[in-house]
Amino acid sequence: MLQQSMSSAIRVYNSFAEMKADEFRYWQSRPVYERMDAVSEITRAVYAMKESLPDVPRLQRTIAVLPRPRR
């Protein structure tokens, strides 16, 4: 389960674009494992909300494997 420390500061934005840019910077500053945990938690929450609906189609297999350069 993802555990985040919530800041008690309230931020006021002048535009939606400014808010989304700040949100993007925040998530880019987090380590990959934390971002993956957040995606997993959100996915589980959405499926829990859809529990009463029929099965949602999912990927049955890996579609493609992309090579990645070593760092």
N, C-alpha and C. Protein backbone atom coordinates (compact mmCIF):
# COMPACT_ATOMS: atom_id res chain seq x y z
N MET A 1 0.84 -1.19 0.00
CA MET A 1 0.00 0.00 0.00
C MET A 1 0.88 1.24 0.00
N LEU A 2 0.51 2.17 -0.82
CA LEU A 2 1.28 3.41 -0.93
C LEU A 2 1.02 4.29 0.27
N GLN A 3 2.08 4.75 0.88
CA GLN A 3 1.93 5.66 2.01
C GLN A 3 2.67 6.94 1.68
N GLN A 4 1.93 7.99 1.56
CA GLN A 4 2.51 9.28 1.25
C GLN A 4 2.39 10.18 2.46
N SER A 5 3.38 11.03 2.62
CA SER A 5 3.23 12.06 3.63
C SER A 5 2.55 13.24 2.96
N MET A 6 1.48 13.68 3.53
CA MET A 6 0.72 14.78 2.95
C MET A 6 1.22 16.09 3.54
N SER A 7 1.47 17.02 2.66
CA SER A 7 1.88 18.34 3.10
C SER A 7 0.66 19.10 3.59
N SER A 8 0.81 19.85 4.65
CA SER A 8 -0.32 20.62 5.17
C SER A 8 -0.46 21.97 4.47
N ALA A 9 0.41 22.23 3.51
CA ALA A 9 0.35 23.50 2.78
C ALA A 9 -0.75 23.45 1.74
N ILE A 10 -1.40 24.58 1.54
CA ILE A 10 -2.42 24.71 0.51
C ILE A 10 -1.80 25.51 -0.62
N ARG A 11 -1.90 24.99 -1.83
CA ARG A 11 -1.33 25.67 -2.98
C ARG A 11 -2.45 26.25 -3.83
N VAL A 12 -2.25 27.45 -4.27
CA VAL A 12 -3.22 28.13 -5.13
C VAL A 12 -2.56 28.30 -6.49
N TYR A 13 -3.26 27.85 -7.53
CA TYR A 13 -2.73 27.95 -8.89
C TYR A 13 -3.53 28.96 -9.68
N ASN A 14 -2.86 29.61 -10.61
CA ASN A 14 -3.52 30.59 -11.47
C ASN A 14 -4.20 29.95 -12.67
N SER A 15 -3.81 28.71 -12.98
CA SER A 15 -4.41 28.04 -14.13
C SER A 15 -4.33 26.53 -13.94
N PHE A 16 -5.18 25.84 -14.69
CA PHE A 16 -5.17 24.38 -14.68
C PHE A 16 -3.83 23.88 -15.21
N ALA A 17 -3.30 24.52 -16.25
CA ALA A 17 -2.03 24.12 -16.84
C ALA A 17 -0.89 24.22 -15.82
N GLU A 18 -0.91 25.26 -15.02
CA GLU A 18 0.11 25.43 -13.97
C GLU A 18 0.01 24.31 -12.93
N MET A 19 -1.22 23.96 -12.56
CA MET A 19 -1.43 22.89 -11.60
C MET A 19 -0.93 21.56 -12.15
N LYS A 20 -1.25 21.26 -13.42
CA LYS A 20 -0.82 20.00 -14.03
C LYS A 20 0.70 19.96 -14.17
N ALA A 21 1.33 21.08 -14.48
CA ALA A 21 2.79 21.13 -14.58
C ALA A 21 3.43 20.83 -13.23
N ASP A 22 2.86 21.38 -12.17
CA ASP A 22 3.37 21.12 -10.82
C ASP A 22 3.19 19.66 -10.44
N GLU A 23 2.04 19.11 -10.78
CA GLU A 23 1.77 17.70 -10.51
C GLU A 23 2.76 16.81 -11.27
N PHE A 24 3.02 17.15 -12.53
CA PHE A 24 3.99 16.40 -13.33
C PHE A 24 5.38 16.45 -12.70
N ARG A 25 5.81 17.63 -12.29
CA ARG A 25 7.13 17.78 -11.65
C ARG A 25 7.20 16.94 -10.37
N TYR A 26 6.10 16.92 -9.60
CA TYR A 26 6.09 16.13 -8.37
C TYR A 26 6.32 14.65 -8.68
N TRP A 27 5.52 14.12 -9.62
CA TRP A 27 5.63 12.68 -9.91
C TRP A 27 6.97 12.34 -10.55
N GLN A 28 7.55 13.24 -11.32
CA GLN A 28 8.86 12.99 -11.90
C GLN A 28 9.95 12.99 -10.82
N SER A 29 9.69 13.67 -9.71
CA SER A 29 10.68 13.72 -8.64
C SER A 29 10.65 12.46 -7.77
N ARG A 30 9.61 11.67 -7.89
CA ARG A 30 9.47 10.46 -7.08
C ARG A 30 10.21 9.30 -7.74
N PRO A 31 10.74 8.36 -6.96
CA PRO A 31 11.42 7.21 -7.56
C PRO A 31 10.42 6.32 -8.34
N VAL A 32 10.96 5.58 -9.29
CA VAL A 32 10.11 4.75 -10.16
C VAL A 32 9.25 3.79 -9.35
N TYR A 33 9.83 3.13 -8.33
CA TYR A 33 9.04 2.16 -7.57
C TYR A 33 7.84 2.83 -6.89
N GLU A 34 7.98 4.07 -6.48
CA GLU A 34 6.86 4.76 -5.83
C GLU A 34 5.77 5.10 -6.85
N ARG A 35 6.19 5.50 -8.05
CA ARG A 35 5.21 5.79 -9.10
C ARG A 35 4.47 4.52 -9.50
N MET A 36 5.20 3.40 -9.61
CA MET A 36 4.56 2.13 -9.96
C MET A 36 3.59 1.69 -8.86
N ASP A 37 3.96 1.89 -7.60
CA ASP A 37 3.05 1.57 -6.49
C ASP A 37 1.77 2.39 -6.59
N ALA A 38 1.90 3.67 -6.94
CA ALA A 38 0.72 4.53 -7.06
C ALA A 38 -0.19 4.05 -8.19
N VAL A 39 0.39 3.68 -9.32
CA VAL A 39 -0.40 3.17 -10.45
C VAL A 39 -1.12 1.89 -10.04
N SER A 40 -0.42 1.01 -9.35
CA SER A 40 -1.01 -0.24 -8.91
C SER A 40 -2.17 0.00 -7.95
N GLU A 41 -1.98 0.91 -7.02
CA GLU A 41 -3.04 1.21 -6.05
C GLU A 41 -4.27 1.81 -6.73
N ILE A 42 -4.06 2.72 -7.67
CA ILE A 42 -5.18 3.32 -8.40
C ILE A 42 -5.90 2.26 -9.23
N THR A 43 -5.14 1.38 -9.88
CA THR A 43 -5.75 0.32 -10.68
C THR A 43 -6.62 -0.59 -9.82
N ARG A 44 -6.09 -0.99 -8.66
CA ARG A 44 -6.88 -1.84 -7.75
C ARG A 44 -8.14 -1.13 -7.29
N ALA A 45 -8.05 0.16 -7.01
CA ALA A 45 -9.22 0.92 -6.56
C ALA A 45 -10.28 0.99 -7.65
N VAL A 46 -9.86 1.20 -8.90
CA VAL A 46 -10.81 1.27 -10.01
C VAL A 46 -11.49 -0.08 -10.21
N TYR A 47 -10.73 -1.17 -10.18
CA TYR A 47 -11.34 -2.49 -10.33
C TYR A 47 -12.27 -2.80 -9.16
N ALA A 48 -11.95 -2.34 -7.98
CA ALA A 48 -12.83 -2.55 -6.83
C ALA A 48 -14.16 -1.82 -7.03
N MET A 49 -14.10 -0.61 -7.64
CA MET A 49 -15.33 0.14 -7.91
C MET A 49 -16.16 -0.55 -8.99
N LYS A 50 -15.51 -1.25 -9.91
CA LYS A 50 -16.21 -1.92 -11.00
C LYS A 50 -16.56 -3.37 -10.66
N GLU A 51 -16.42 -3.74 -9.39
CA GLU A 51 -16.61 -5.13 -8.98
C GLU A 51 -17.96 -5.69 -9.42
N SER A 52 -19.00 -4.88 -9.40
CA SER A 52 -20.32 -5.38 -9.74
C SER A 52 -20.53 -5.46 -11.26
N LEU A 53 -19.59 -4.94 -12.04
CA LEU A 53 -19.71 -5.00 -13.50
C LEU A 53 -19.10 -6.29 -14.02
N PRO A 54 -19.46 -6.70 -15.24
CA PRO A 54 -18.83 -7.89 -15.83
C PRO A 54 -17.32 -7.69 -15.96
N ASP A 55 -16.62 -8.78 -16.20
CA ASP A 55 -15.16 -8.72 -16.33
C ASP A 55 -14.73 -7.68 -17.36
N VAL A 56 -13.71 -6.93 -16.99
CA VAL A 56 -13.15 -5.92 -17.88
C VAL A 56 -12.06 -6.61 -18.70
N PRO A 57 -12.09 -6.46 -20.03
CA PRO A 57 -11.05 -7.11 -20.84
C PRO A 57 -9.66 -6.60 -20.46
N ARG A 58 -8.71 -7.49 -20.37
CA ARG A 58 -7.33 -7.15 -20.03
C ARG A 58 -6.40 -7.76 -21.06
N LEU A 59 -5.17 -7.30 -21.07
CA LEU A 59 -4.18 -7.90 -21.97
C LEU A 59 -3.97 -9.35 -21.59
N GLN A 60 -3.95 -10.22 -22.56
CA GLN A 60 -3.77 -11.64 -22.32
C GLN A 60 -2.31 -12.07 -22.40
N ARG A 61 -1.51 -11.27 -23.08
CA ARG A 61 -0.09 -11.61 -23.24
C ARG A 61 0.70 -10.34 -23.50
N THR A 62 2.01 -10.47 -23.48
CA THR A 62 2.88 -9.34 -23.81
C THR A 62 2.77 -9.07 -25.30
N ILE A 63 2.53 -7.83 -25.66
CA ILE A 63 2.37 -7.49 -27.07
C ILE A 63 3.73 -7.28 -27.74
N ALA A 64 4.62 -6.57 -27.08
CA ALA A 64 5.94 -6.31 -27.66
C ALA A 64 6.94 -6.09 -26.53
N VAL A 65 8.16 -6.48 -26.79
CA VAL A 65 9.25 -6.24 -25.86
C VAL A 65 10.20 -5.28 -26.54
N LEU A 66 10.41 -4.14 -25.93
CA LEU A 66 11.27 -3.11 -26.52
C LEU A 66 12.64 -3.15 -25.87
N PRO A 67 13.70 -3.18 -26.67
CA PRO A 67 15.05 -3.14 -26.09
C PRO A 67 15.30 -1.78 -25.45
N ARG A 68 16.05 -1.78 -24.41
CA ARG A 68 16.34 -0.56 -23.68
C ARG A 68 17.84 -0.41 -23.53
N PRO A 69 18.37 0.77 -23.81
CA PRO A 69 19.82 0.94 -23.67
C PRO A 69 20.25 0.86 -22.19
N ARG A 70 21.43 0.30 -22.00
CA ARG A 70 21.96 0.21 -20.63
C ARG A 70 22.39 1.59 -20.16
N ARG A 71 22.30 1.80 -18.87
CA ARG A 71 22.71 3.10 -18.31
C ARG A 71 24.10 3.01 -17.77
